[in-house]
Amino acid sequence: MYKEIKIDLEDVSGDVVLHFNDMTELDSFDDNSVGFVWSGQSIEHVSKEAGEKMCRSVHRVLKEGGAFCLDTPNRLLTQIHTRDVGGGFIHPEHFIEYTPMQLDSLLRKSGFFIAHRLGVREMLKTAQSGIFFYEDFVAGAEISENIEASYIQYFHCLKMSH
């Protein structure tokens, strides 16, 4: 069900309104009407086709210069993580887990300019060896530009004029 929460912030001009909505169904939002969209750990919970629709819809509703930020597990690492238990996904409700190259391609095809690509929790020993090392969760850099060797991938995208 659709919910709306309004938050007034002193250091932000205008209102910040949070909409809790199915991100694959953005028909209630006008074109070029939103300044920022966040998708935290959600694109992996919908089919590839629904993820493509979501990205196109977010691009449609964003204002020029608006930002779309998202994070999701990195399949390059999750496939190593799950190899010894059958090679599935890290969560039973995941439909797809993207590699950074796959997600980058999807975002660009949806019309976005990629401003930043970062990794969360770099796992160098795991990425280099192909063997999962749990100690990488505490040993690696929290934020890294080495997105391919990080457990979580983060993209900061912009809607730019063409």
Protein backbone atom coordinates (compact mmCIF):
# COMPACT_ATOMS: atom_id res chain seq x y z
CA MET A 1 0.00 0.00 0.00
CA TYR A 2 1.21 3.51 -0.81
CA LYS A 3 2.42 5.57 2.17
CA GLU A 4 3.79 9.09 2.37
CA ILE A 5 5.94 10.64 5.09
CA LYS A 6 6.79 14.34 5.08
CA ILE A 7 10.01 15.46 6.75
CA ASP A 8 11.01 19.09 7.27
CA LEU A 9 14.76 19.65 7.34
CA GLU A 10 16.26 22.96 8.40
CA ASP A 11 19.24 22.90 6.02
CA VAL A 12 17.32 21.83 2.90
CA SER A 13 15.31 24.25 0.81
CA GLY A 14 11.82 22.91 0.21
CA ASP A 15 10.24 19.76 1.57
CA VAL A 16 11.61 16.28 1.54
CA VAL A 17 8.84 13.76 0.96
CA LEU A 18 9.49 10.04 1.20
CA HIS A 19 7.28 7.79 -0.88
CA PHE A 20 7.14 4.09 -0.09
CA ASN A 21 6.05 2.60 -3.36
CA ASP A 22 6.62 -0.35 -5.67
CA MET A 23 9.58 0.95 -7.67
CA THR A 24 8.52 -1.00 -10.73
CA GLU A 25 5.23 0.95 -10.79
CA LEU A 26 5.98 4.67 -10.94
CA ASP A 27 3.01 5.62 -13.13
CA SER A 28 1.61 7.89 -10.37
CA PHE A 29 4.64 10.19 -10.74
CA ASP A 30 4.77 12.81 -13.49
CA ASP A 31 7.66 13.00 -15.94
CA ASN A 32 10.57 15.14 -14.70
CA SER A 33 8.99 15.61 -11.27
CA VAL A 34 11.44 14.06 -8.77
CA GLY A 35 14.90 15.22 -7.73
CA PHE A 36 16.25 12.05 -6.12
CA VAL A 37 15.44 8.33 -6.11
CA TRP A 38 17.10 5.78 -3.81
CA SER A 39 16.89 2.03 -4.31
CA GLY A 40 18.58 0.31 -1.39
CA GLN A 41 19.08 -3.42 -1.71
CA SER A 42 15.93 -3.87 -3.79
CA ILE A 43 16.68 -4.35 -7.52
CA GLU A 44 17.84 -7.91 -6.83
CA HIS A 45 14.36 -8.74 -5.46
CA VAL A 46 12.61 -8.29 -8.82
CA SER A 47 13.03 -10.04 -12.16
CA LYS A 48 15.51 -8.76 -14.74
CA GLU A 49 12.59 -7.39 -16.80
CA ALA A 50 11.10 -5.61 -13.77
CA GLY A 51 14.54 -4.15 -12.93
CA GLU A 52 14.85 -2.82 -16.47
CA LYS A 53 11.37 -1.30 -16.22
CA MET A 54 12.25 0.26 -12.85
CA CYS A 55 15.38 1.92 -14.22
CA ARG A 56 13.55 3.31 -17.26
CA SER A 57 10.72 4.58 -15.00
CA VAL A 58 13.14 6.24 -12.58
CA HIS A 59 14.82 7.98 -15.51
CA ARG A 60 11.42 9.19 -16.74
CA VAL A 61 10.35 10.68 -13.38
CA LEU A 62 13.67 12.33 -12.53
CA LYS A 63 14.20 16.02 -13.20
CA GLU A 64 17.14 17.03 -15.37
CA GLY A 65 20.25 16.67 -13.18
CA GLY A 66 18.35 14.47 -10.73
CA ALA A 67 20.11 11.58 -9.02
CA PHE A 68 19.34 7.89 -8.85
CA CYS A 69 21.41 5.99 -6.31
CA LEU A 70 21.26 2.28 -5.72
CA ASP A 71 23.17 -0.51 -4.08
CA THR A 72 22.94 -4.26 -4.51
CA PRO A 73 25.11 -7.34 -3.88
CA ASN A 74 27.91 -7.96 -6.36
CA ARG A 75 27.45 -11.31 -8.14
CA LEU A 76 31.20 -11.57 -8.73
CA LEU A 77 31.52 -12.11 -4.96
CA THR A 78 28.19 -13.72 -4.14
CA GLN A 79 28.87 -16.54 -6.61
CA ILE A 80 32.06 -17.31 -4.67
CA HIS A 81 30.17 -16.99 -1.39
CA THR A 82 27.50 -19.51 -2.44
CA ARG A 83 29.66 -21.93 -4.46
CA ASP A 84 30.00 -24.49 -1.64
CA VAL A 85 26.23 -24.61 -1.04
CA GLY A 86 25.05 -25.10 -4.60
CA GLY A 87 25.86 -21.74 -6.17
CA GLY A 88 22.50 -20.04 -5.71
CA PHE A 89 21.90 -16.49 -4.60
CA ILE A 90 22.75 -15.20 -1.12
CA HIS A 91 19.08 -14.68 -0.25
CA PRO A 92 16.17 -16.94 -1.19
CA GLU A 93 14.07 -13.94 -2.32
CA HIS A 94 16.63 -12.73 -4.87
CA PHE A 95 15.58 -13.07 -8.50
CA ILE A 96 18.92 -11.86 -9.90
CA GLU A 97 22.27 -10.73 -8.59
CA TYR A 98 24.11 -8.39 -10.96
CA THR A 99 27.79 -8.10 -11.72
CA PRO A 100 29.04 -4.50 -11.81
CA MET A 101 29.33 -4.71 -15.61
CA GLN A 102 25.73 -5.91 -15.95
CA LEU A 103 24.36 -3.18 -13.69
CA ASP A 104 26.48 -0.48 -15.35
CA SER A 105 25.14 -1.59 -18.74
CA LEU A 106 21.53 -1.60 -17.53
CA LEU A 107 21.83 1.90 -16.07
CA ARG A 108 23.47 3.33 -19.20
CA LYS A 109 20.87 1.69 -21.47
CA SER A 110 18.19 3.32 -19.29
CA GLY A 111 19.69 6.72 -20.13
CA PHE A 112 21.77 7.45 -17.02
CA PHE A 113 25.19 9.03 -16.71
CA ILE A 114 27.21 7.13 -14.09
CA ALA A 115 28.72 9.76 -11.77
CA HIS A 116 30.24 7.29 -9.27
CA ARG A 117 30.69 3.55 -8.93
CA LEU A 118 31.86 2.42 -5.52
CA GLY A 119 32.18 -0.80 -3.62
CA VAL A 120 31.10 -1.39 -0.05
CA ARG A 121 33.23 -3.85 1.91
CA GLU A 122 36.18 -4.64 -0.33
CA MET A 123 37.09 -8.34 -0.22
CA LEU A 124 40.50 -8.55 -1.89
CA LYS A 125 41.57 -12.00 -0.68
CA THR A 126 38.26 -13.52 -1.81
CA ALA A 127 38.26 -11.73 -5.18
CA GLN A 128 41.88 -12.65 -5.93
CA SER A 129 41.72 -16.29 -4.84
CA GLY A 130 38.18 -17.29 -5.82
CA ILE A 131 37.80 -18.76 -2.33
CA PHE A 132 35.47 -17.05 0.14
CA PHE A 133 37.21 -15.61 3.20
CA TYR A 134 34.85 -14.34 5.88
CA GLU A 135 37.66 -12.30 7.45
CA ASP A 136 37.46 -10.03 4.37
CA PHE A 137 34.24 -8.64 5.88
CA VAL A 138 36.35 -6.97 8.59
CA ALA A 139 39.76 -6.73 6.90
CA GLY A 140 38.82 -4.97 3.66
CA ALA A 141 38.19 -1.31 3.03
CA GLU A 142 34.69 -0.19 3.98
CA ILE A 143 34.34 1.94 0.83
CA SER A 144 36.43 1.26 -2.25
CA GLU A 145 36.75 2.34 -5.85
CA ASN A 146 37.46 -1.34 -6.58
CA ILE A 147 33.80 -2.19 -7.18
CA GLU A 148 34.59 -5.56 -8.79
CA ALA A 149 36.23 -6.78 -5.54
CA SER A 150 33.57 -5.41 -3.17
CA TYR A 151 30.65 -7.36 -1.74
CA ILE A 152 28.14 -4.55 -2.33
CA GLN A 153 28.13 -2.31 -5.36
CA TYR A 154 26.89 1.27 -5.25
CA PHE A 155 26.00 3.43 -8.25
CA HIS A 156 25.31 7.18 -8.23
CA CYS A 157 23.61 8.02 -11.52
CA LEU A 158 22.42 11.30 -13.00
CA LYS A 159 19.80 12.21 -15.56
CA MET A 160 21.63 14.44 -18.00
CA SER A 161 20.52 16.12 -21.20
CA HIS A 162 21.72 14.37 -24.33
